[in-house]
Amino acid sequence: VKGRFTISKDYAKNTVYLQMNSLKPEDTAVYYCAAQQVSGGGWLFS
């Protein structure tokens, strides 16, 4: 999805977005949002 999708967040709205462009049939799926509590600002998980 690199180069086609963009993840972003709006702190004021407590909302995370996934902008999906140039969609392909193989992108068809159920999409899930996930969260993990962290102790610092730089952690991210795949």
All heavy atoms as atom14 arrays in JSON, in Angstrom:
{
  "sequence": "VKGRFTISKDYAKNTVYLQMNSLKPEDTAVYYCAAQQVSGGGWLFS",
  "atom14_mask": [
    [1, 1, 1, 1, 1, 1, 1, 0, 0, 0, 0, 0, 0, 0],
    [1, 1, 1, 1, 1, 1, 1, 1, 1, 0, 0, 0, 0, 0],
    [1, 1, 1, 1, 0, 0, 0, 0, 0, 0, 0, 0, 0, 0],
    [1, 1, 1, 1, 1, 1, 1, 1, 1, 1, 1, 0, 0, 0],
    [1, 1, 1, 1, 1, 1, 1, 1, 1, 1, 1, 0, 0, 0],
    [1, 1, 1, 1, 1, 1, 1, 0, 0, 0, 0, 0, 0, 0],
    [1, 1, 1, 1, 1, 1, 1, 1, 0, 0, 0, 0, 0, 0],
    [1, 1, 1, 1, 1, 1, 0, 0, 0, 0, 0, 0, 0, 0],
    [1, 1, 1, 1, 1, 1, 1, 1, 1, 0, 0, 0, 0, 0],
    [1, 1, 1, 1, 1, 1, 1, 1, 0, 0, 0, 0, 0, 0],
    [1, 1, 1, 1, 1, 1, 1, 1, 1, 1, 1, 1, 0, 0],
    [1, 1, 1, 1, 1, 0, 0, 0, 0, 0, 0, 0, 0, 0],
    [1, 1, 1, 1, 1, 1, 1, 1, 1, 0, 0, 0, 0, 0],
    [1, 1, 1, 1, 1, 1, 1, 1, 0, 0, 0, 0, 0, 0],
    [1, 1, 1, 1, 1, 1, 1, 0, 0, 0, 0, 0, 0, 0],
    [1, 1, 1, 1, 1, 1, 1, 0, 0, 0, 0, 0, 0, 0],
    [1, 1, 1, 1, 1, 1, 1, 1, 1, 1, 1, 1, 0, 0],
    [1, 1, 1, 1, 1, 1, 1, 1, 0, 0, 0, 0, 0, 0],
    [1, 1, 1, 1, 1, 1, 1, 1, 1, 0, 0, 0, 0, 0],
    [1, 1, 1, 1, 1, 1, 1, 1, 0, 0, 0, 0, 0, 0],
    [1, 1, 1, 1, 1, 1, 1, 1, 0, 0, 0, 0, 0, 0],
    [1, 1, 1, 1, 1, 1, 0, 0, 0, 0, 0, 0, 0, 0],
    [1, 1, 1, 1, 1, 1, 1, 1, 0, 0, 0, 0, 0, 0],
    [1, 1, 1, 1, 1, 1, 1, 1, 1, 0, 0, 0, 0, 0],
    [1, 1, 1, 1, 1, 1, 1, 0, 0, 0, 0, 0, 0, 0],
    [1, 1, 1, 1, 1, 1, 1, 1, 1, 0, 0, 0, 0, 0],
    [1, 1, 1, 1, 1, 1, 1, 1, 0, 0, 0, 0, 0, 0],
    [1, 1, 1, 1, 1, 1, 1, 0, 0, 0, 0, 0, 0, 0],
    [1, 1, 1, 1, 1, 0, 0, 0, 0, 0, 0, 0, 0, 0],
    [1, 1, 1, 1, 1, 1, 1, 0, 0, 0, 0, 0, 0, 0],
    [1, 1, 1, 1, 1, 1, 1, 1, 1, 1, 1, 1, 0, 0],
    [1, 1, 1, 1, 1, 1, 1, 1, 1, 1, 1, 1, 0, 0],
    [1, 1, 1, 1, 1, 1, 0, 0, 0, 0, 0, 0, 0, 0],
    [1, 1, 1, 1, 1, 0, 0, 0, 0, 0, 0, 0, 0, 0],
    [1, 1, 1, 1, 1, 0, 0, 0, 0, 0, 0, 0, 0, 0],
    [1, 1, 1, 1, 1, 1, 1, 1, 1, 0, 0, 0, 0, 0],
    [1, 1, 1, 1, 1, 1, 1, 1, 1, 0, 0, 0, 0, 0],
    [1, 1, 1, 1, 1, 1, 1, 0, 0, 0, 0, 0, 0, 0],
    [1, 1, 1, 1, 1, 1, 0, 0, 0, 0, 0, 0, 0, 0],
    [1, 1, 1, 1, 0, 0, 0, 0, 0, 0, 0, 0, 0, 0],
    [1, 1, 1, 1, 0, 0, 0, 0, 0, 0, 0, 0, 0, 0],
    [1, 1, 1, 1, 0, 0, 0, 0, 0, 0, 0, 0, 0, 0],
    [1, 1, 1, 1, 1, 1, 1, 1, 1, 1, 1, 1, 1, 1],
    [1, 1, 1, 1, 1, 1, 1, 1, 0, 0, 0, 0, 0, 0],
    [1, 1, 1, 1, 1, 1, 1, 1, 1, 1, 1, 0, 0, 0],
    [1, 1, 1, 1, 1, 1, 0, 0, 0, 0, 0, 0, 0, 0]
  ],
  "atom14_positions": [
    [[0.81, -1.22, 0.0], [0.0, 0.0, 0.0], [0.85, 1.27, 0.0], [0.31, 2.37, -0.14], [-0.96, 0.03, 1.21], [-1.8, -1.25, 1.26], [-0.23, 0.25, 2.52], [0.0, 0.0, 0.0], [0.0, 0.0, 0.0], [0.0, 0.0, 0.0], [0.0, 0.0, 0.0], [0.0, 0.0, 0.0], [0.0, 0.0, 0.0], [0.0, 0.0, 0.0]],
    [[2.14, 1.14, 0.15], [3.02, 2.3, 0.23], [2.9, 3.13, -1.04], [2.93, 2.6, -2.16], [4.46, 1.86, 0.45], [5.4, 2.96, 0.88], [6.74, 2.39, 1.31], [6.66, 1.58, 2.57], [7.99, 1.13, 3.06], [0.0, 0.0, 0.0], [0.0, 0.0, 0.0], [0.0, 0.0, 0.0], [0.0, 0.0, 0.0], [0.0, 0.0, 0.0]],
    [[2.74, 4.43, -0.84], [2.57, 5.32, -1.97], [1.13, 5.51, -2.4], [0.82, 6.43, -3.17], [0.0, 0.0, 0.0], [0.0, 0.0, 0.0], [0.0, 0.0, 0.0], [0.0, 0.0, 0.0], [0.0, 0.0, 0.0], [0.0, 0.0, 0.0], [0.0, 0.0, 0.0], [0.0, 0.0, 0.0], [0.0, 0.0, 0.0], [0.0, 0.0, 0.0]],
    [[0.23, 4.65, -1.9], [-1.2, 4.78, -2.24], [-2.04, 5.14, -1.02], [-3.04, 5.84, -1.15], [-1.71, 3.46, -2.83], [-1.01, 3.02, -4.1], [-1.72, 1.82, -4.73], [-1.69, 0.64, -3.87], [-2.79, 0.0, -3.45], [-3.99, 0.42, -3.82], [-2.69, -1.08, -2.67], [0.0, 0.0, 0.0], [0.0, 0.0, 0.0], [0.0, 0.0, 0.0]],
    [[-1.66, 4.65, 0.14], [-2.41, 4.88, 1.37], [-1.64, 5.84, 2.27], [-0.4, 5.83, 2.3], [-2.63, 3.57, 2.13], [-3.56, 2.59, 1.49], [-4.02, 2.76, 0.18], [-3.99, 1.48, 2.19], [-4.88, 1.84, -0.41], [-4.85, 0.55, 1.62], [-5.28, 0.73, 0.32], [0.0, 0.0, 0.0], [0.0, 0.0, 0.0], [0.0, 0.0, 0.0]],
    [[-2.38, 6.63, 3.05], [-1.77, 7.55, 4.01], [-2.52, 7.47, 5.33], [-3.75, 7.62, 5.36], [-1.8, 8.99, 3.49], [-1.13, 9.07, 2.23], [-1.1, 9.92, 4.48], [0.0, 0.0, 0.0], [0.0, 0.0, 0.0], [0.0, 0.0, 0.0], [0.0, 0.0, 0.0], [0.0, 0.0, 0.0], [0.0, 0.0, 0.0], [0.0, 0.0, 0.0]],
    [[-1.78, 7.25, 6.41], [-2.37, 7.23, 7.74], [-2.1, 8.57, 8.41], [-1.02, 9.15, 8.26], [-1.83, 6.06, 8.59], [-2.59, 5.93, 9.9], [-0.32, 6.19, 8.82], [-2.25, 4.65, 10.68], [0.0, 0.0, 0.0], [0.0, 0.0, 0.0], [0.0, 0.0, 0.0], [0.0, 0.0, 0.0], [0.0, 0.0, 0.0], [0.0, 0.0, 0.0]],
    [[-3.1, 9.07, 9.14], [-2.94, 10.35, 9.82], [-3.84, 10.36, 11.06], [-4.69, 9.47, 11.23], [-3.3, 11.52, 8.9], [-4.65, 11.44, 8.49], [0.0, 0.0, 0.0], [0.0, 0.0, 0.0], [0.0, 0.0, 0.0], [0.0, 0.0, 0.0], [0.0, 0.0, 0.0], [0.0, 0.0, 0.0], [0.0, 0.0, 0.0], [0.0, 0.0, 0.0]],
    [[-3.66, 11.37, 11.9], [-4.5, 11.44, 13.1], [-4.84, 12.87, 13.42], [-4.08, 13.8, 13.13], [-3.82, 10.76, 14.28], [-2.52, 11.36, 14.73], [-1.81, 10.48, 15.76], [-2.67, 10.14, 16.94], [-1.95, 9.35, 17.95], [0.0, 0.0, 0.0], [0.0, 0.0, 0.0], [0.0, 0.0, 0.0], [0.0, 0.0, 0.0], [0.0, 0.0, 0.0]],
    [[-6.01, 13.04, 14.01], [-6.5, 14.33, 14.46], [-6.68, 14.22, 15.97], [-7.62, 13.59, 16.45], [-7.82, 14.66, 13.76], [-8.33, 16.05, 14.12], [-8.11, 16.52, 15.26], [-8.97, 16.67, 13.25], [0.0, 0.0, 0.0], [0.0, 0.0, 0.0], [0.0, 0.0, 0.0], [0.0, 0.0, 0.0], [0.0, 0.0, 0.0], [0.0, 0.0, 0.0]],
    [[-5.77, 14.87, 16.72], [-5.81, 14.75, 18.19], [-7.09, 15.36, 18.75], [-7.67, 14.81, 19.69], [-4.6, 15.45, 18.79], [-3.31, 14.73, 18.56], [-2.5, 15.04, 17.48], [-2.88, 13.74, 19.43], [-1.3, 14.38, 17.27], [-1.69, 13.06, 19.24], [-0.91, 13.39, 18.15], [0.27, 12.73, 17.94], [0.0, 0.0, 0.0], [0.0, 0.0, 0.0]],
    [[-7.51, 16.45, 18.2], [-8.69, 17.14, 18.74], [-9.93, 16.27, 18.63], [-10.82, 16.33, 19.48], [-8.9, 18.46, 18.02], [0.0, 0.0, 0.0], [0.0, 0.0, 0.0], [0.0, 0.0, 0.0], [0.0, 0.0, 0.0], [0.0, 0.0, 0.0], [0.0, 0.0, 0.0], [0.0, 0.0, 0.0], [0.0, 0.0, 0.0], [0.0, 0.0, 0.0]],
    [[-9.99, 15.44, 17.59], [-11.16, 14.6, 17.37], [-10.93, 13.16, 17.84], [-11.83, 12.32, 17.69], [-11.53, 14.6, 15.88], [-11.95, 15.95, 15.35], [-12.34, 15.87, 13.89], [-12.8, 17.22, 13.36], [-13.17, 17.17, 11.93], [0.0, 0.0, 0.0], [0.0, 0.0, 0.0], [0.0, 0.0, 0.0], [0.0, 0.0, 0.0], [0.0, 0.0, 0.0]],
    [[-9.75, 12.86, 18.38], [-9.42, 11.48, 18.79], [-9.7, 10.5, 17.67], [-10.31, 9.44, 17.88], [-10.2, 11.1, 20.05], [-9.72, 11.84, 21.27], [-8.52, 12.07, 21.44], [-10.66, 12.23, 22.12], [0.0, 0.0, 0.0], [0.0, 0.0, 0.0], [0.0, 0.0, 0.0], [0.0, 0.0, 0.0], [0.0, 0.0, 0.0], [0.0, 0.0, 0.0]],
    [[-9.29, 10.86, 16.48], [-9.62, 10.07, 15.29], [-8.37, 9.81, 14.46], [-7.54, 10.71, 14.29], [-10.68, 10.78, 14.45], [-11.87, 10.96, 15.23], [-11.03, 9.98, 13.21], [0.0, 0.0, 0.0], [0.0, 0.0, 0.0], [0.0, 0.0, 0.0], [0.0, 0.0, 0.0], [0.0, 0.0, 0.0], [0.0, 0.0, 0.0], [0.0, 0.0, 0.0]],
    [[-8.27, 8.6, 13.97], [-7.21, 8.21, 13.04], [-7.85, 7.95, 11.68], [-8.94, 7.37, 11.61], [-6.46, 6.97, 13.54], [-5.46, 6.49, 12.5], [-5.75, 7.27, 14.84], [0.0, 0.0, 0.0], [0.0, 0.0, 0.0], [0.0, 0.0, 0.0], [0.0, 0.0, 0.0], [0.0, 0.0, 0.0], [0.0, 0.0, 0.0], [0.0, 0.0, 0.0]],
    [[-7.17, 8.35, 10.63], [-7.69, 8.21, 9.28], [-6.77, 7.32, 8.44], [-5.57, 7.23, 8.68], [-7.81, 9.58, 8.61], [-8.68, 10.55, 9.34], [-8.12, 11.53, 10.17], [-10.06, 10.51, 9.21], [-8.92, 12.42, 10.86], [-10.87, 11.41, 9.9], [-10.29, 12.36, 10.71], [-11.09, 13.23, 11.39], [0.0, 0.0, 0.0], [0.0, 0.0, 0.0]],
    [[-7.38, 6.7, 7.45], [-6.63, 5.99, 6.43], [-7.15, 6.44, 5.08], [-8.26, 6.07, 4.69], [-6.75, 4.48, 6.58], [-5.89, 3.66, 5.62], [-4.4, 3.83, 5.96], [-6.26, 2.17, 5.65], [0.0, 0.0, 0.0], [0.0, 0.0, 0.0], [0.0, 0.0, 0.0], [0.0, 0.0, 0.0], [0.0, 0.0, 0.0], [0.0, 0.0, 0.0]],
    [[-6.39, 7.29, 4.42], [-6.73, 7.74, 3.08], [-6.22, 6.71, 2.08], [-5.02, 6.43, 2.05], [-6.12, 9.11, 2.79], [-6.38, 9.63, 1.4], [-7.86, 9.94, 1.16], [-8.52, 10.53, 2.0], [-8.36, 9.54, -0.01], [0.0, 0.0, 0.0], [0.0, 0.0, 0.0], [0.0, 0.0, 0.0], [0.0, 0.0, 0.0], [0.0, 0.0, 0.0]],
    [[-7.13, 6.17, 1.29], [-6.77, 5.11, 0.34], [-7.03, 5.6, -1.07], [-8.18, 5.89, -1.43], [-7.59, 3.85, 0.64], [-7.48, 3.36, 2.07], [-8.3, 1.79, 2.38], [-9.99, 2.24, 2.06], [0.0, 0.0, 0.0], [0.0, 0.0, 0.0], [0.0, 0.0, 0.0], [0.0, 0.0, 0.0], [0.0, 0.0, 0.0], [0.0, 0.0, 0.0]],
    [[-5.98, 5.71, -1.85], [-6.07, 6.16, -3.24], [-5.64, 5.04, -4.18], [-5.0, 4.08, -3.75], [-5.19, 7.39, -3.45], [-5.59, 8.57, -2.6], [-6.77, 8.77, -2.28], [-4.61, 9.36, -2.21], [0.0, 0.0, 0.0], [0.0, 0.0, 0.0], [0.0, 0.0, 0.0], [0.0, 0.0, 0.0], [0.0, 0.0, 0.0], [0.0, 0.0, 0.0]],
    [[-5.98, 5.19, -5.44], [-5.6, 4.21, -6.47], [-5.95, 2.79, -6.02], [-5.11, 1.87, -6.11], [-4.11, 4.32, -6.77], [-3.78, 5.62, -7.2], [0.0, 0.0, 0.0], [0.0, 0.0, 0.0], [0.0, 0.0, 0.0], [0.0, 0.0, 0.0], [0.0, 0.0, 0.0], [0.0, 0.0, 0.0], [0.0, 0.0, 0.0], [0.0, 0.0, 0.0]],
    [[-7.16, 2.62, -5.55], [-7.56, 1.33, -5.0], [-7.58, 0.25, -6.07], [-7.9, 0.51, -7.25], [-8.93, 1.45, -4.34], [-8.89, 2.11, -2.95], [-10.26, 2.62, -2.55], [-8.36, 1.13, -1.92], [0.0, 0.0, 0.0], [0.0, 0.0, 0.0], [0.0, 0.0, 0.0], [0.0, 0.0, 0.0], [0.0, 0.0, 0.0], [0.0, 0.0, 0.0]],
    [[-7.25, -0.96, -5.64], [-7.19, -2.12, -6.52], [-8.16, -3.19, -5.98], [-8.44, -3.23, -4.78], [-5.77, -2.7, -6.53], [-4.69, -1.71, -6.93], [-3.31, -2.33, -6.78], [-2.21, -1.35, -7.13], [-0.87, -1.95, -6.99], [0.0, 0.0, 0.0], [0.0, 0.0, 0.0], [0.0, 0.0, 0.0], [0.0, 0.0, 0.0], [0.0, 0.0, 0.0]],
    [[-8.6, -4.1, -6.84], [-9.49, -5.17, -6.36], [-8.86, -5.97, -5.22], [-9.59, -6.44, -4.32], [-9.69, -6.03, -7.61], [-9.57, -5.06, -8.74], [-8.49, -4.09, -8.31], [0.0, 0.0, 0.0], [0.0, 0.0, 0.0], [0.0, 0.0, 0.0], [0.0, 0.0, 0.0], [0.0, 0.0, 0.0], [0.0, 0.0, 0.0], [0.0, 0.0, 0.0]],
    [[-7.56, -6.11, -5.22], [-6.9, -6.86, -4.14], [-6.88, -6.13, -2.8], [-6.47, -6.69, -1.79], [-5.47, -7.25, -4.54], [-4.62, -6.11, -5.05], [-4.6, -6.04, -6.56], [-5.69, -6.18, -7.19], [-3.51, -5.8, -7.12], [0.0, 0.0, 0.0], [0.0, 0.0, 0.0], [0.0, 0.0, 0.0], [0.0, 0.0, 0.0], [0.0, 0.0, 0.0]],
    [[-7.33, -4.89, -2.79], [-7.49, -4.16, -1.53], [-8.81, -4.52, -0.84], [-9.06, -4.07, 0.29], [-7.44, -2.65, -1.76], [-6.08, -2.18, -2.24], [-5.05, -2.67, -1.72], [-6.05, -1.32, -3.15], [0.0, 0.0, 0.0], [0.0, 0.0, 0.0], [0.0, 0.0, 0.0], [0.0, 0.0, 0.0], [0.0, 0.0, 0.0], [0.0, 0.0, 0.0]],
    [[-9.65, -5.27, -1.49], [-10.93, -5.66, -0.91], [-10.72, -6.48, 0.35], [-10.0, -7.49, 0.34], [-11.75, -6.48, -1.93], [-12.08, -5.65, -3.04], [-13.02, -7.01, -1.3], [0.0, 0.0, 0.0], [0.0, 0.0, 0.0], [0.0, 0.0, 0.0], [0.0, 0.0, 0.0], [0.0, 0.0, 0.0], [0.0, 0.0, 0.0], [0.0, 0.0, 0.0]],
    [[-11.33, -6.04, 1.44], [-11.16, -6.7, 2.74], [-12.01, -5.97, 3.77], [-12.53, -4.88, 3.51], [-9.7, -6.7, 3.17], [0.0, 0.0, 0.0], [0.0, 0.0, 0.0], [0.0, 0.0, 0.0], [0.0, 0.0, 0.0], [0.0, 0.0, 0.0], [0.0, 0.0, 0.0], [0.0, 0.0, 0.0], [0.0, 0.0, 0.0], [0.0, 0.0, 0.0]],
    [[-12.09, -6.56, 4.95], [-12.59, -5.83, 6.12], [-11.39, -5.16, 6.75], [-10.37, -5.8, 7.01], [-13.27, -6.78, 7.12], [-13.73, -6.0, 8.35], [-14.46, -7.48, 6.47], [0.0, 0.0, 0.0], [0.0, 0.0, 0.0], [0.0, 0.0, 0.0], [0.0, 0.0, 0.0], [0.0, 0.0, 0.0], [0.0, 0.0, 0.0], [0.0, 0.0, 0.0]],
    [[-11.52, -3.85, 6.97], [-10.43, -3.06, 7.54], [-10.7, -2.81, 9.02], [-11.8, -2.38, 9.39], [-10.29, -1.74, 6.79], [-9.59, -1.92, 5.46], [-10.22, -2.57, 4.41], [-8.29, -1.45, 5.27], [-9.58, -2.75, 3.2], [-7.64, -1.63, 4.05], [-8.29, -2.28, 3.02], [-7.64, -2.47, 1.82], [0.0, 0.0, 0.0], [0.0, 0.0, 0.0]],
    [[-9.67, -3.06, 9.83], [-9.78, -2.93, 11.27], [-8.8, -1.88, 11.79], [-7.65, -1.82, 11.36], [-9.45, -4.26, 11.96], [-10.41, -5.38, 11.65], [-10.17, -6.24, 10.59], [-11.55, -5.58, 12.43], [-11.04, -7.27, 10.29], [-12.42, -6.62, 12.15], [-12.16, -7.45, 11.08], [-13.03, -8.48, 10.79], [0.0, 0.0, 0.0], [0.0, 0.0, 0.0]],
    [[-9.28, -1.12, 12.75], [-8.45, -0.18, 13.47], [-7.99, -0.84, 14.76], [-8.75, -1.61, 15.38], [-9.27, 1.07, 13.76], [-8.45, 2.31, 14.75], [0.0, 0.0, 0.0], [0.0, 0.0, 0.0], [0.0, 0.0, 0.0], [0.0, 0.0, 0.0], [0.0, 0.0, 0.0], [0.0, 0.0, 0.0], [0.0, 0.0, 0.0], [0.0, 0.0, 0.0]],
    [[-6.76, -0.55, 15.18], [-6.22, -1.15, 16.4], [-5.45, -0.1, 17.19], [-4.92, 0.86, 16.62], [-5.31, -2.32, 16.07], [0.0, 0.0, 0.0], [0.0, 0.0, 0.0], [0.0, 0.0, 0.0], [0.0, 0.0, 0.0], [0.0, 0.0, 0.0], [0.0, 0.0, 0.0], [0.0, 0.0, 0.0], [0.0, 0.0, 0.0], [0.0, 0.0, 0.0]],
    [[-5.39, -0.32, 18.52], [-4.68, 0.62, 19.39], [-3.89, -0.14, 20.44], [-4.3, -1.21, 20.9], [-5.68, 1.56, 20.08], [0.0, 0.0, 0.0], [0.0, 0.0, 0.0], [0.0, 0.0, 0.0], [0.0, 0.0, 0.0], [0.0, 0.0, 0.0], [0.0, 0.0, 0.0], [0.0, 0.0, 0.0], [0.0, 0.0, 0.0], [0.0, 0.0, 0.0]],
    [[-2.76, 0.43, 20.79], [-1.93, -0.14, 21.84], [-1.38, 0.99, 22.7], [-0.77, 1.93, 22.17], [-0.78, -0.96, 21.25], [0.2, -1.47, 22.28], [-0.47, -2.37, 23.31], [-1.49, -2.99, 23.06], [0.11, -2.43, 24.49], [0.0, 0.0, 0.0], [0.0, 0.0, 0.0], [0.0, 0.0, 0.0], [0.0, 0.0, 0.0], [0.0, 0.0, 0.0]],
    [[-1.59, 0.87, 24.0], [-1.1, 1.89, 24.91], [0.42, 1.84, 24.95], [1.02, 0.76, 24.99], [-1.67, 1.67, 26.31], [-1.42, 2.84, 27.25], [-2.22, 2.72, 28.53], [-2.99, 1.79, 28.72], [-2.04, 3.67, 29.42], [0.0, 0.0, 0.0], [0.0, 0.0, 0.0], [0.0, 0.0, 0.0], [0.0, 0.0, 0.0], [0.0, 0.0, 0.0]],
    [[1.04, 3.0, 24.9], [2.5, 3.1, 24.89], [2.96, 4.11, 25.91], [2.19, 4.94, 26.38], [3.02, 3.49, 23.49], [2.73, 2.41, 22.47], [2.4, 4.82, 23.03], [0.0, 0.0, 0.0], [0.0, 0.0, 0.0], [0.0, 0.0, 0.0], [0.0, 0.0, 0.0], [0.0, 0.0, 0.0], [0.0, 0.0, 0.0], [0.0, 0.0, 0.0]],
    [[4.25, 4.02, 26.24], [4.8, 4.91, 27.25], [5.46, 6.14, 26.66], [5.8, 7.07, 27.37], [5.82, 4.16, 28.1], [6.85, 3.64, 27.27], [0.0, 0.0, 0.0], [0.0, 0.0, 0.0], [0.0, 0.0, 0.0], [0.0, 0.0, 0.0], [0.0, 0.0, 0.0], [0.0, 0.0, 0.0], [0.0, 0.0, 0.0], [0.0, 0.0, 0.0]],
    [[5.63, 6.14, 25.35], [6.3, 7.26, 24.73], [5.7, 7.58, 23.38], [4.87, 6.83, 22.87], [0.0, 0.0, 0.0], [0.0, 0.0, 0.0], [0.0, 0.0, 0.0], [0.0, 0.0, 0.0], [0.0, 0.0, 0.0], [0.0, 0.0, 0.0], [0.0, 0.0, 0.0], [0.0, 0.0, 0.0], [0.0, 0.0, 0.0], [0.0, 0.0, 0.0]],
    [[6.15, 8.67, 22.78], [5.53, 9.14, 21.56], [5.97, 8.46, 20.3], [5.31, 8.59, 19.28], [0.0, 0.0, 0.0], [0.0, 0.0, 0.0], [0.0, 0.0, 0.0], [0.0, 0.0, 0.0], [0.0, 0.0, 0.0], [0.0, 0.0, 0.0], [0.0, 0.0, 0.0], [0.0, 0.0, 0.0], [0.0, 0.0, 0.0], [0.0, 0.0, 0.0]],
    [[7.09, 7.72, 20.31], [7.64, 7.22, 19.07], [7.32, 5.8, 18.71], [7.62, 5.34, 17.61], [0.0, 0.0, 0.0], [0.0, 0.0, 0.0], [0.0, 0.0, 0.0], [0.0, 0.0, 0.0], [0.0, 0.0, 0.0], [0.0, 0.0, 0.0], [0.0, 0.0, 0.0], [0.0, 0.0, 0.0], [0.0, 0.0, 0.0], [0.0, 0.0, 0.0]],
    [[6.65, 5.08, 19.6], [6.38, 3.66, 19.35], [5.34, 3.49, 18.25], [4.34, 4.2, 18.21], [5.86, 2.98, 20.62], [6.89, 2.82, 21.68], [7.09, 3.62, 22.76], [7.87, 1.78, 21.77], [8.13, 3.15, 23.52], [8.62, 2.03, 22.94], [8.17, 0.67, 20.98], [9.67, 1.21, 23.34], [9.22, -0.17, 21.38], [9.96, 0.11, 22.55]],
    [[5.57, 2.51, 17.37], [4.56, 2.07, 16.42], [4.81, 0.62, 16.1], [5.94, 0.15, 16.18], [4.53, 2.94, 15.14], [5.66, 2.87, 14.14], [5.2, 3.51, 12.82], [6.88, 3.56, 14.63], [0.0, 0.0, 0.0], [0.0, 0.0, 0.0], [0.0, 0.0, 0.0], [0.0, 0.0, 0.0], [0.0, 0.0, 0.0], [0.0, 0.0, 0.0]],
    [[3.75, -0.1, 15.74], [3.81, -1.55, 15.62], [3.16, -2.02, 14.33], [2.1, -1.53, 13.95], [3.09, -2.2, 16.8], [3.52, -1.68, 18.14], [2.74, -0.73, 18.8], [4.67, -2.12, 18.73], [3.12, -0.24, 20.03], [5.07, -1.63, 19.97], [4.29, -0.69, 20.62], [0.0, 0.0, 0.0], [0.0, 0.0, 0.0], [0.0, 0.0, 0.0]],
    [[3.78, -3.01, 13.69], [3.21, -3.61, 12.49], [2.71, -5.03, 12.75], [2.09, -5.62, 11.87], [4.23, -3.63, 11.36], [5.37, -4.39, 11.75], [0.0, 0.0, 0.0], [0.0, 0.0, 0.0], [0.0, 0.0, 0.0], [0.0, 0.0, 0.0], [0.0, 0.0, 0.0], [0.0, 0.0, 0.0], [0.0, 0.0, 0.0], [0.0, 0.0, 0.0]]
  ]
}
